Amino acid sequence: MVHQHFMLIENHTVIENIALGSFRSPRVFPKKRIRQRILSFSEKFNFDINPEKKIWQLSAGEQQRVEIIKALVNGARLLILDEPTSVLTPQETRDFFQILEKMREDGQMIILISHKLNEIKKLCDRVTVLRKGKVVGNTNTGNLNKRALARMMVGRDVAFSFSREKMPRNEKVLALDDVHVDGDKGSGVVNGVSFDVYRNEIFGIAGVSGNGQRELVEAITGLRTVARGRIIVNDIDVTNQSPRKIHNNGVSHVPEERIRFGIAPNLFLYENAILKQHRQKNSLDVLFLPITASRRIHGS
């Protein structure tokens, strides 16, 4: 089974993670044999994984492929995937679908757990719908349209479109001027980025995972040093200020891996709610909801 939240050791390499999870791994010097198996599966299913990289250096899509390789190395012929696209970018999702189709052609049986109707319709031959712990439907996906599938899932008709009033552009709340940010290895990953964000608008940052989005958001929220340039929030220069000061100026960050970096799972809901609010009451002007991976963020 490939869990929604990956079961990998971030400070170990791909080879080390797969060797630890493999009961078929040789006891002495397993890396050579494991590396050959990783490269074999990578070539067969187009995984494109560097066996020597550490897990924290990989995108969410690459980490997911490592989880699949772990299962395949142990001889699995039935894969259960729990919400596999919840942490993937659109490009990673398309690549992942191609991998699944190749695996199906190779004779693998795949159980896909998902609430995304398009994924069920595109990938699955048959679908079983659970509601309140009971099976309410079991049929070929070709026999259902999205509306009928949604009705089975929630027990009523679901609206797929709605009208939206255009919001007027208001005052500027965030401005980036020629921002440069270095990556974990010291080389520049954000080079000369400038843009403005206004109140009452949703601003998108698009790109395939690993192209600087994570580092850019970390710089804006004070989790990473800005090498050059300025970041202005509500007319206040917050460049290289502490995360606390930036948060107090109305900026909040919801990381992609929310269970690991966004909350304290062992605390109650109300305790999590006040972790950043116990010093002063403050409204949020800018909220970051990432699409791509946001790793190695602590206390955010």
C-alpha atoms as a PDB file:
ATOM      1  CA  MET A   1       0.000   0.000   0.000  1.00  0.00           C
ATOM      2  CA  VAL A   2       1.175   3.522  -0.830  1.00  0.00           C
ATOM      3  CA  HIS A   3      -0.095   5.811   1.914  1.00  0.00           C
ATOM      4  CA  GLN A   4      -1.343   9.344   1.343  1.00  0.00           C
ATOM      5  CA  HIS A   5       1.359  10.566   3.734  1.00  0.00           C
ATOM      6  CA  PHE A   6       4.603   8.948   2.643  1.00  0.00           C
ATOM      7  CA  MET A   7       6.393   6.539   4.991  1.00  0.00           C
ATOM      8  CA  LEU A   8       9.959   7.553   4.128  1.00  0.00           C
ATOM      9  CA  ILE A   9      13.011   8.626   6.166  1.00  0.00           C
ATOM     10  CA  GLU A  10      13.908  12.070   4.815  1.00  0.00           C
ATOM     11  CA  ASN A  11      17.592  12.116   5.797  1.00  0.00           C
ATOM     12  CA  HIS A  12      18.290   8.788   4.074  1.00  0.00           C
ATOM     13  CA  THR A  13      18.831   8.232   0.366  1.00  0.00           C
ATOM     14  CA  VAL A  14      16.445   6.489  -1.995  1.00  0.00           C
ATOM     15  CA  ILE A  15      18.604   3.341  -1.894  1.00  0.00           C
ATOM     16  CA  GLU A  16      18.690   3.337   1.900  1.00  0.00           C
ATOM     17  CA  ASN A  17      14.909   3.752   2.208  1.00  0.00           C
ATOM     18  CA  ILE A  18      14.220   0.914  -0.205  1.00  0.00           C
ATOM     19  CA  ALA A  19      16.821  -1.340   1.425  1.00  0.00           C
ATOM     20  CA  LEU A  20      15.250  -0.702   4.852  1.00  0.00           C
ATOM     21  CA  GLY A  21      11.805  -1.577   3.536  1.00  0.00           C
ATOM     22  CA  SER A  22      12.844  -4.679   1.608  1.00  0.00           C
ATOM     23  CA  PHE A  23      12.742  -8.092   3.268  1.00  0.00           C
ATOM     24  CA  ARG A  24      14.554  -9.441   0.189  1.00  0.00           C
ATOM     25  CA  SER A  25      17.511  -7.114   0.667  1.00  0.00           C
ATOM     26  CA  PRO A  26      20.866  -8.921   1.123  1.00  0.00           C
ATOM     27  CA  ARG A  27      22.336  -8.555   4.594  1.00  0.00           C
ATOM     28  CA  VAL A  28      25.823  -7.508   3.449  1.00  0.00           C
ATOM     29  CA  PHE A  29      26.406  -4.552   1.092  1.00  0.00           C
ATOM     30  CA  PRO A  30      22.819  -4.345  -0.216  1.00  0.00           C
ATOM     31  CA  LYS A  31      23.259  -1.042  -2.053  1.00  0.00           C
ATOM     32  CA  LYS A  32      24.638  -2.453  -5.304  1.00  0.00           C
ATOM     33  CA  ARG A  33      21.787  -4.916  -5.788  1.00  0.00           C
ATOM     34  CA  ILE A  34      19.136  -2.417  -4.645  1.00  0.00           C
ATOM     35  CA  ARG A  35      20.535   0.231  -7.019  1.00  0.00           C
ATOM     36  CA  GLN A  36      20.237  -2.188  -9.945  1.00  0.00           C
ATOM     37  CA  ARG A  37      16.609  -2.961  -9.071  1.00  0.00           C
ATOM     38  CA  ILE A  38      15.755   0.743  -8.730  1.00  0.00           C
ATOM     39  CA  LEU A  39      17.282   1.488 -12.121  1.00  0.00           C
ATOM     40  CA  SER A  40      15.461  -1.505 -13.630  1.00  0.00           C
ATOM     41  CA  PHE A  41      12.047  -0.363 -12.380  1.00  0.00           C
ATOM     42  CA  SER A  42      12.839   3.257 -13.294  1.00  0.00           C
ATOM     43  CA  GLU A  43      13.585   2.278 -16.880  1.00  0.00           C
ATOM     44  CA  LYS A  44      10.615  -0.074 -17.154  1.00  0.00           C
ATOM     45  CA  PHE A  45       7.993   2.378 -15.851  1.00  0.00           C
ATOM     46  CA  ASN A  46       9.756   5.698 -16.598  1.00  0.00           C
ATOM     47  CA  PHE A  47      10.166   6.614 -12.907  1.00  0.00           C
ATOM     48  CA  ASP A  48      13.260   8.791 -13.482  1.00  0.00           C
ATOM     49  CA  ILE A  49      14.601   8.456  -9.912  1.00  0.00           C
ATOM     50  CA  ASN A  50      18.177   9.182  -8.803  1.00  0.00           C
ATOM     51  CA  PRO A  51      18.998   6.397  -6.276  1.00  0.00           C
ATOM     52  CA  GLU A  52      21.653   8.507  -4.542  1.00  0.00           C
ATOM     53  CA  LYS A  53      19.432  11.474  -3.682  1.00  0.00           C
ATOM     54  CA  LYS A  54      18.127  11.972  -0.169  1.00  0.00           C
ATOM     55  CA  ILE A  55      14.366  11.927   0.267  1.00  0.00           C
ATOM     56  CA  TRP A  56      14.114  15.567   1.350  1.00  0.00           C
ATOM     57  CA  GLN A  57      15.690  16.577  -1.957  1.00  0.00           C
ATOM     58  CA  LEU A  58      12.878  14.941  -3.973  1.00  0.00           C
ATOM     59  CA  SER A  59       9.571  16.438  -5.077  1.00  0.00           C
ATOM     60  CA  ALA A  60       6.304  14.941  -3.823  1.00  0.00           C
ATOM     61  CA  GLY A  61       5.895  13.098  -7.133  1.00  0.00           C
ATOM     62  CA  GLU A  62       9.378  11.600  -6.899  1.00  0.00           C
ATOM     63  CA  GLN A  63       8.790  10.509  -3.302  1.00  0.00           C
ATOM     64  CA  GLN A  64       5.606   8.788  -4.393  1.00  0.00           C
ATOM     65  CA  ARG A  65       7.564   6.860  -7.031  1.00  0.00           C
ATOM     66  CA  VAL A  66      10.013   5.754  -4.338  1.00  0.00           C
ATOM     67  CA  GLU A  67       7.064   4.366  -2.343  1.00  0.00           C
ATOM     68  CA  ILE A  68       5.877   2.449  -5.419  1.00  0.00           C
ATOM     69  CA  ILE A  69       9.381   1.060  -6.040  1.00  0.00           C
ATOM     70  CA  LYS A  70       9.482  -0.091  -2.398  1.00  0.00           C
ATOM     71  CA  ALA A  71       6.336  -2.120  -3.018  1.00  0.00           C
ATOM     72  CA  LEU A  72       7.550  -3.517  -6.339  1.00  0.00           C
ATOM     73  CA  VAL A  73      10.938  -4.526  -4.923  1.00  0.00           C
ATOM     74  CA  ASN A  74       9.064  -6.696  -2.413  1.00  0.00           C
ATOM     75  CA  GLY A  75       7.228  -8.428  -5.251  1.00  0.00           C
ATOM     76  CA  ALA A  76       3.825  -6.739  -4.877  1.00  0.00           C
ATOM     77  CA  ARG A  77       1.342  -7.465  -7.673  1.00  0.00           C
ATOM     78  CA  LEU A  78      -1.536  -5.565  -6.058  1.00  0.00           C
ATOM     79  CA  LEU A  79      -0.997  -1.872  -5.309  1.00  0.00           C
ATOM     80  CA  ILE A  80      -3.410   0.102  -3.096  1.00  0.00           C
ATOM     81  CA  LEU A  81      -2.991   3.854  -3.597  1.00  0.00           C
ATOM     82  CA  ASP A  82      -4.604   6.152  -1.014  1.00  0.00           C
ATOM     83  CA  GLU A  83      -5.416   9.585  -2.504  1.00  0.00           C
ATOM     84  CA  PRO A  84      -2.232   9.411  -4.619  1.00  0.00           C
ATOM     85  CA  THR A  85      -2.627  12.804  -6.326  1.00  0.00           C
ATOM     86  CA  SER A  86      -3.410  14.890  -3.234  1.00  0.00           C
ATOM     87  CA  VAL A  87       0.153  16.277  -3.068  1.00  0.00           C
ATOM     88  CA  LEU A  88       0.992  16.299  -6.795  1.00  0.00           C
ATOM     89  CA  THR A  89       1.122  19.150  -9.262  1.00  0.00           C
ATOM     90  CA  PRO A  90      -0.954  18.813 -12.470  1.00  0.00           C
ATOM     91  CA  GLN A  91       2.175  17.839 -14.444  1.00  0.00           C
ATOM     92  CA  GLU A  92       3.172  15.263 -11.814  1.00  0.00           C
ATOM     93  CA  THR A  93      -0.394  13.913 -11.881  1.00  0.00           C
ATOM     94  CA  ARG A  94      -0.248  13.426 -15.669  1.00  0.00           C
ATOM     95  CA  ASP A  95       3.124  11.657 -15.355  1.00  0.00           C
ATOM     96  CA  PHE A  96       1.737   9.512 -12.540  1.00  0.00           C
ATOM     97  CA  PHE A  97      -1.265   8.466 -14.633  1.00  0.00           C
ATOM     98  CA  GLN A  98       1.079   7.351 -17.413  1.00  0.00           C
ATOM     99  CA  ILE A  99       3.026   5.249 -14.906  1.00  0.00           C
ATOM    100  CA  LEU A 100      -0.175   3.595 -13.646  1.00  0.00           C
ATOM    101  CA  GLU A 101      -1.298   2.805 -17.186  1.00  0.00           C
ATOM    102  CA  LYS A 102       2.091   1.187 -17.935  1.00  0.00           C
ATOM    103  CA  MET A 103       1.841  -0.834 -14.738  1.00  0.00           C
ATOM    104  CA  ARG A 104      -1.657  -2.003 -15.657  1.00  0.00           C
ATOM    105  CA  GLU A 105      -0.389  -3.090 -19.081  1.00  0.00           C
ATOM    106  CA  ASP A 106       2.370  -5.010 -17.264  1.00  0.00           C
ATOM    107  CA  GLY A 107      -0.238  -7.011 -15.349  1.00  0.00           C
ATOM    108  CA  GLN A 108      -0.324  -5.087 -12.065  1.00  0.00           C
ATOM    109  CA  MET A 109      -3.648  -4.855 -10.233  1.00  0.00           C
ATOM    110  CA  ILE A 110      -4.285  -1.377  -8.828  1.00  0.00           C
ATOM    111  CA  ILE A 111      -6.841  -0.174  -6.296  1.00  0.00           C
ATOM    112  CA  LEU A 112      -7.180   3.616  -6.462  1.00  0.00           C
ATOM    113  CA  ILE A 113      -8.791   5.376  -3.493  1.00  0.00           C
ATOM    114  CA  SER A 114      -9.888   8.845  -4.555  1.00  0.00           C
ATOM    115  CA  HIS A 115     -12.702  11.377  -4.271  1.00  0.00           C
ATOM    116  CA  LYS A 116     -11.712  13.059  -7.558  1.00  0.00           C
ATOM    117  CA  LEU A 117     -14.301  12.145 -10.176  1.00  0.00           C
ATOM    118  CA  ASN A 118     -12.088  12.834 -13.207  1.00  0.00           C
ATOM    119  CA  GLU A 119      -9.421  10.450 -11.917  1.00  0.00           C
ATOM    120  CA  ILE A 120     -11.925   7.656 -11.331  1.00  0.00           C
ATOM    121  CA  LYS A 121     -13.428   8.121 -14.794  1.00  0.00           C
ATOM    122  CA  LYS A 122     -10.035   8.337 -16.532  1.00  0.00           C
ATOM    123  CA  LEU A 123      -8.129   5.519 -14.846  1.00  0.00           C
ATOM    124  CA  CYS A 124     -10.525   2.960 -13.396  1.00  0.00           C
ATOM    125  CA  ASP A 125     -12.266   0.092 -15.181  1.00  0.00           C
ATOM    126  CA  ARG A 126     -14.646  -0.476 -12.261  1.00  0.00           C
ATOM    127  CA  VAL A 127     -15.684   1.644  -9.310  1.00  0.00           C
ATOM    128  CA  THR A 128     -17.122   0.853  -5.880  1.00  0.00           C
ATOM    129  CA  VAL A 129     -18.652   3.760  -3.949  1.00  0.00           C
ATOM    130  CA  LEU A 130     -18.677   3.836  -0.146  1.00  0.00           C
ATOM    131  CA  ARG A 131     -20.927   6.150   1.861  1.00  0.00           C
ATOM    132  CA  LYS A 132     -21.038   6.050   5.664  1.00  0.00           C
ATOM    133  CA  GLY A 133     -19.126   2.782   5.635  1.00  0.00           C
ATOM    134  CA  LYS A 134     -21.525   0.961   3.301  1.00  0.00           C
ATOM    135  CA  VAL A 135     -21.289   0.052  -0.371  1.00  0.00           C
ATOM    136  CA  VAL A 136     -23.884   2.095  -2.262  1.00  0.00           C
ATOM    137  CA  GLY A 137     -22.763   1.250  -5.785  1.00  0.00           C
ATOM    138  CA  ASN A 138     -20.535  -1.068  -7.804  1.00  0.00           C
ATOM    139  CA  THR A 139     -20.357  -0.794 -11.584  1.00  0.00           C
ATOM    140  CA  ASN A 140     -18.216  -0.211 -14.653  1.00  0.00           C
ATOM    141  CA  THR A 141     -17.037   3.402 -14.829  1.00  0.00           C
ATOM    142  CA  GLY A 142     -18.279   3.597 -18.404  1.00  0.00           C
ATOM    143  CA  ASN A 143     -21.844   3.199 -17.111  1.00  0.00           C
ATOM    144  CA  LEU A 144     -21.705   6.413 -15.034  1.00  0.00           C
ATOM    145  CA  ASN A 145     -21.237  10.079 -15.775  1.00  0.00           C
ATOM    146  CA  LYS A 146     -19.712  12.449 -13.212  1.00  0.00           C
ATOM    147  CA  ARG A 147     -23.086  13.701 -12.012  1.00  0.00           C
ATOM    148  CA  ALA A 148     -24.370  10.180 -11.279  1.00  0.00           C
ATOM    149  CA  LEU A 149     -21.087   9.234  -9.586  1.00  0.00           C
ATOM    150  CA  ALA A 150     -21.222  12.338  -7.368  1.00  0.00           C
ATOM    151  CA  ARG A 151     -24.830  11.571  -6.425  1.00  0.00           C
ATOM    152  CA  MET A 152     -23.773   8.092  -5.303  1.00  0.00           C
ATOM    153  CA  MET A 153     -20.927   9.535  -3.229  1.00  0.00           C
ATOM    154  CA  VAL A 154     -22.850  12.236  -1.322  1.00  0.00           C
ATOM    155  CA  GLY A 155     -26.438  11.028  -1.593  1.00  0.00           C
ATOM    156  CA  ARG A 156     -27.800  14.064  -3.443  1.00  0.00           C
ATOM    157  CA  ASP A 157     -27.315  16.066  -6.628  1.00  0.00           C
ATOM    158  CA  VAL A 158     -24.129  18.167  -6.757  1.00  0.00           C
ATOM    159  CA  ALA A 159     -23.725  21.498  -8.577  1.00  0.00           C
ATOM    160  CA  PHE A 160     -20.667  21.464 -10.883  1.00  0.00           C
ATOM    161  CA  SER A 161     -20.758  25.165 -11.777  1.00  0.00           C
ATOM    162  CA  PHE A 162     -21.800  28.431 -10.156  1.00  0.00           C
ATOM    163  CA  SER A 163     -21.714  32.113 -11.000  1.00  0.00           C
ATOM    164  CA  ARG A 164     -19.114  34.374  -9.405  1.00  0.00           C
ATOM    165  CA  GLU A 165     -19.242  38.130  -9.116  1.00  0.00           C
ATOM    166  CA  LYS A 166     -16.137  40.008 -10.178  1.00  0.00           C
ATOM    167  CA  MET A 167     -14.350  41.542  -7.207  1.00  0.00           C
ATOM    168  CA  PRO A 168     -12.873  45.032  -7.583  1.00  0.00           C
ATOM    169  CA  ARG A 169      -9.070  45.235  -7.300  1.00  0.00           C
ATOM    170  CA  ASN A 170      -8.293  46.941  -3.998  1.00  0.00           C
ATOM    171  CA  GLU A 171      -5.095  48.193  -2.353  1.00  0.00           C
ATOM    172  CA  LYS A 172      -1.746  46.459  -2.770  1.00  0.00           C
ATOM    173  CA  VAL A 173      -0.873  44.097   0.106  1.00  0.00           C
ATOM    174  CA  LEU A 174       2.265  42.364  -1.211  1.00  0.00           C
ATOM    175  CA  ALA A 175       5.050  43.487  -3.532  1.00  0.00           C
ATOM    176  CA  LEU A 176       8.205  41.638  -4.616  1.00  0.00           C
ATOM    177  CA  ASP A 177      10.989  43.632  -6.264  1.00  0.00           C
ATOM    178  CA  ASP A 178      13.816  41.728  -8.032  1.00  0.00           C
ATOM    179  CA  VAL A 179      13.912  38.929  -5.450  1.00  0.00           C
ATOM    180  CA  HIS A 180      16.763  36.391  -5.586  1.00  0.00           C
ATOM    181  CA  VAL A 181      16.809  33.302  -3.345  1.00  0.00           C
ATOM    182  CA  ASP A 182      19.353  30.478  -3.003  1.00  0.00           C
ATOM    183  CA  GLY A 183      18.386  26.814  -2.752  1.00  0.00           C
ATOM    184  CA  ASP A 184      19.504  24.220  -0.211  1.00  0.00           C
ATOM    185  CA  LYS A 185      22.742  23.616  -2.116  1.00  0.00           C
ATOM    186  CA  GLY A 186      23.660  27.321  -2.220  1.00  0.00           C
ATOM    187  CA  SER A 187      22.904  27.935  -5.901  1.00  0.00           C
ATOM    188  CA  GLY A 188      20.290  30.440  -7.044  1.00  0.00           C
ATOM    189  CA  VAL A 189      16.819  28.963  -7.611  1.00  0.00           C
ATOM    190  CA  VAL A 190      14.783  32.208  -7.628  1.00  0.00           C
ATOM    191  CA  ASN A 191      16.240  34.844  -9.936  1.00  0.00           C
ATOM    192  CA  GLY A 192      14.843  38.346 -10.250  1.00  0.00           C
ATOM    193  CA  VAL A 193      11.186  37.672  -9.423  1.00  0.00           C
ATOM    194  CA  SER A 194       8.888  40.708  -9.188  1.00  0.00           C
ATOM    195  CA  PHE A 195       5.095  40.874  -8.818  1.00  0.00           C
ATOM    196  CA  ASP A 196       2.304  42.623  -6.890  1.00  0.00           C
ATOM    197  CA  VAL A 197      -0.678  41.116  -5.068  1.00  0.00           C
ATOM    198  CA  TYR A 198      -3.819  43.136  -4.314  1.00  0.00           C
ATOM    199  CA  ARG A 199      -6.583  42.689  -1.784  1.00  0.00           C
ATOM    200  CA  ASN A 200      -9.647  40.805  -3.112  1.00  0.00           C
ATOM    201  CA  GLU A 201      -7.725  38.739  -5.667  1.00  0.00           C
ATOM    202  CA  ILE A 202      -6.317  35.215  -5.929  1.00  0.00           C
ATOM    203  CA  PHE A 203      -2.786  35.291  -7.345  1.00  0.00           C
ATOM    204  CA  GLY A 204      -1.322  32.111  -8.822  1.00  0.00           C
ATOM    205  CA  ILE A 205       2.310  30.987  -9.053  1.00  0.00           C
ATOM    206  CA  ALA A 206       2.582  28.228 -11.656  1.00  0.00           C
ATOM    207  CA  GLY A 207       5.397  25.846 -12.497  1.00  0.00           C
ATOM    208  CA  VAL A 208       6.510  22.246 -12.354  1.00  0.00           C
ATOM    209  CA  SER A 209       7.672  21.191  -8.878  1.00  0.00           C
ATOM    210  CA  GLY A 210      11.304  22.033  -8.192  1.00  0.00           C
ATOM    211  CA  ASN A 211      11.426  25.308 -10.128  1.00  0.00           C
ATOM    212  CA  GLY A 212      11.717  27.665  -7.152  1.00  0.00           C
ATOM    213  CA  GLN A 213       8.124  27.939  -5.925  1.00  0.00           C
ATOM    214  CA  ARG A 214       8.901  26.439  -2.517  1.00  0.00           C
ATOM    215  CA  GLU A 215      11.961  28.615  -1.992  1.00  0.00           C
ATOM    216  CA  LEU A 216      10.050  31.721  -3.079  1.00  0.00           C
ATOM    217  CA  VAL A 217       7.247  31.133  -0.561  1.00  0.00           C
ATOM    218  CA  GLU A 218       9.761  30.351   2.184  1.00  0.00           C
ATOM    219  CA  ALA A 219      11.524  33.661   1.478  1.00  0.00           C
ATOM    220  CA  ILE A 220       8.250  35.619   1.588  1.00  0.00           C
ATOM    221  CA  THR A 221       7.245  34.021   4.906  1.00  0.00           C
ATOM    222  CA  GLY A 222      10.674  34.431   6.545  1.00  0.00           C
ATOM    223  CA  LEU A 223      11.726  30.790   6.449  1.00  0.00           C
ATOM    224  CA  ARG A 224      14.556  31.362   3.967  1.00  0.00           C
ATOM    225  CA  THR A 225      17.032  34.211   3.467  1.00  0.00           C
ATOM    226  CA  VAL A 226      16.567  36.600   0.540  1.00  0.00           C
ATOM    227  CA  ALA A 227      19.907  36.975  -1.262  1.00  0.00           C
ATOM    228  CA  ARG A 228      18.859  40.144  -3.109  1.00  0.00           C
ATOM    229  CA  GLY A 229      15.734  42.216  -3.623  1.00  0.00           C
ATOM    230  CA  ARG A 230      12.882  43.436  -1.428  1.00  0.00           C
ATOM    231  CA  ILE A 231       9.604  42.043  -0.077  1.00  0.00           C
ATOM    232  CA  ILE A 232       6.971  44.573   0.969  1.00  0.00           C
ATOM    233  CA  VAL A 233       3.832  43.651   2.964  1.00  0.00           C
ATOM    234  CA  ASN A 234       1.267  46.400   3.610  1.00  0.00           C
ATOM    235  CA  ASP A 235       3.888  49.060   2.773  1.00  0.00           C
ATOM    236  CA  ILE A 236       6.327  47.572   5.316  1.00  0.00           C
ATOM    237  CA  ASP A 237       9.682  46.140   4.205  1.00  0.00           C
ATOM    238  CA  VAL A 238       9.776  42.612   5.692  1.00  0.00           C
ATOM    239  CA  THR A 239      12.811  41.372   3.745  1.00  0.00           C
ATOM    240  CA  ASN A 240      14.677  38.810   5.878  1.00  0.00           C
ATOM    241  CA  GLN A 241      12.502  39.529   8.898  1.00  0.00           C
ATOM    242  CA  SER A 242      11.631  36.684  11.281  1.00  0.00           C
ATOM    243  CA  PRO A 243       8.609  34.463  10.514  1.00  0.00           C
ATOM    244  CA  ARG A 244       6.930  35.864  13.647  1.00  0.00           C
ATOM    245  CA  LYS A 245       7.247  39.488  12.480  1.00  0.00           C
ATOM    246  CA  ILE A 246       6.033  38.623   8.983  1.00  0.00           C
ATOM    247  CA  HIS A 247       3.075  36.687  10.387  1.00  0.00           C
ATOM    248  CA  ASN A 248       2.197  39.626  12.614  1.00  0.00           C
ATOM    249  CA  ASN A 249       2.092  41.781   9.470  1.00  0.00           C
ATOM    250  CA  GLY A 250      -0.723  39.636   8.051  1.00  0.00           C
ATOM    251  CA  VAL A 251       0.998  36.792   6.180  1.00  0.00           C
ATOM    252  CA  SER A 252       0.251  33.114   6.830  1.00  0.00           C
ATOM    253  CA  HIS A 253       1.516  29.942   5.207  1.00  0.00           C
ATOM    254  CA  VAL A 254      -0.315  26.635   4.746  1.00  0.00           C
ATOM    255  CA  PRO A 255       2.395  24.117   3.715  1.00  0.00           C
ATOM    256  CA  GLU A 256       1.608  21.297   1.340  1.00  0.00           C
ATOM    257  CA  GLU A 257       2.577  18.615   3.859  1.00  0.00           C
ATOM    258  CA  ARG A 258       0.204  19.948   6.482  1.00  0.00           C
ATOM    259  CA  ILE A 259       0.325  16.926   8.793  1.00  0.00           C
ATOM    260  CA  ARG A 260       4.101  17.144   9.134  1.00  0.00           C
ATOM    261  CA  PHE A 261       4.766  20.874   9.012  1.00  0.00           C
ATOM    262  CA  GLY A 262       1.453  22.696   9.425  1.00  0.00           C
ATOM    263  CA  ILE A 263       0.058  21.255  12.664  1.00  0.00           C
ATOM    264  CA  ALA A 264       1.045  19.491  15.874  1.00  0.00           C
ATOM    265  CA  PRO A 265      -0.908  16.199  15.561  1.00  0.00           C
ATOM    266  CA  ASN A 266      -0.655  15.345  19.274  1.00  0.00           C
ATOM    267  CA  LEU A 267      -2.318  18.602  20.363  1.00  0.00           C
ATOM    268  CA  PHE A 268      -6.037  19.349  20.482  1.00  0.00           C
ATOM    269  CA  LEU A 269      -7.750  21.333  17.719  1.00  0.00           C
ATOM    270  CA  TYR A 270      -8.052  24.469  19.865  1.00  0.00           C
ATOM    271  CA  GLU A 271      -4.375  24.200  20.875  1.00  0.00           C
ATOM    272  CA  ASN A 272      -3.313  24.102  17.230  1.00  0.00           C
ATOM    273  CA  ALA A 273      -5.602  27.059  16.507  1.00  0.00           C
ATOM    274  CA  ILE A 274      -3.804  29.342  18.978  1.00  0.00           C
ATOM    275  CA  LEU A 275      -0.205  28.304  18.311  1.00  0.00           C
ATOM    276  CA  LYS A 276       0.436  31.495  16.331  1.00  0.00           C
ATOM    277  CA  GLN A 277      -2.323  33.587  17.845  1.00  0.00           C
ATOM    278  CA  HIS A 278      -1.457  33.538  21.560  1.00  0.00           C
ATOM    279  CA  ARG A 279       0.537  36.785  21.524  1.00  0.00           C
ATOM    280  CA  GLN A 280      -1.822  39.074  19.660  1.00  0.00           C
ATOM    281  CA  LYS A 281      -5.035  39.076  17.674  1.00  0.00           C
ATOM    282  CA  ASN A 282      -4.376  39.634  13.998  1.00  0.00           C
ATOM    283  CA  SER A 283      -6.232  39.358  10.685  1.00  0.00           C
ATOM    284  CA  LEU A 284      -4.576  37.778   7.648  1.00  0.00           C
ATOM    285  CA  ASP A 285      -3.970  39.828   4.517  1.00  0.00           C
ATOM    286  CA  VAL A 286      -2.029  37.233   2.514  1.00  0.00           C
ATOM    287  CA  LEU A 287      -2.564  33.468   2.672  1.00  0.00           C
ATOM    288  CA  PHE A 288      -0.284  31.021   0.836  1.00  0.00           C
ATOM    289  CA  LEU A 289      -1.912  27.753  -0.275  1.00  0.00           C
ATOM    290  CA  PRO A 290       0.766  25.860  -2.199  1.00  0.00           C
ATOM    291  CA  ILE A 291       0.194  23.466  -5.075  1.00  0.00           C
ATOM    292  CA  THR A 292       3.775  22.241  -5.196  1.00  0.00           C
ATOM    293  CA  ALA A 293       5.902  20.697  -2.479  1.00  0.00           C
ATOM    294  CA  SER A 294       6.946  22.713   0.562  1.00  0.00           C
ATOM    295  CA  ARG A 295       9.393  20.625   2.582  1.00  0.00           C
ATOM    296  CA  ARG A 296      11.765  21.242   5.439  1.00  0.00           C
ATOM    297  CA  ILE A 297       9.528  23.937   6.910  1.00  0.00           C
ATOM    298  CA  HIS A 298       9.459  23.930  10.665  1.00  0.00           C
ATOM    299  CA  GLY A 299       7.160  25.876  12.936  1.00  0.00           C
ATOM    300  CA  SER A 300       4.940  27.074  10.089  1.00  0.00           C
END
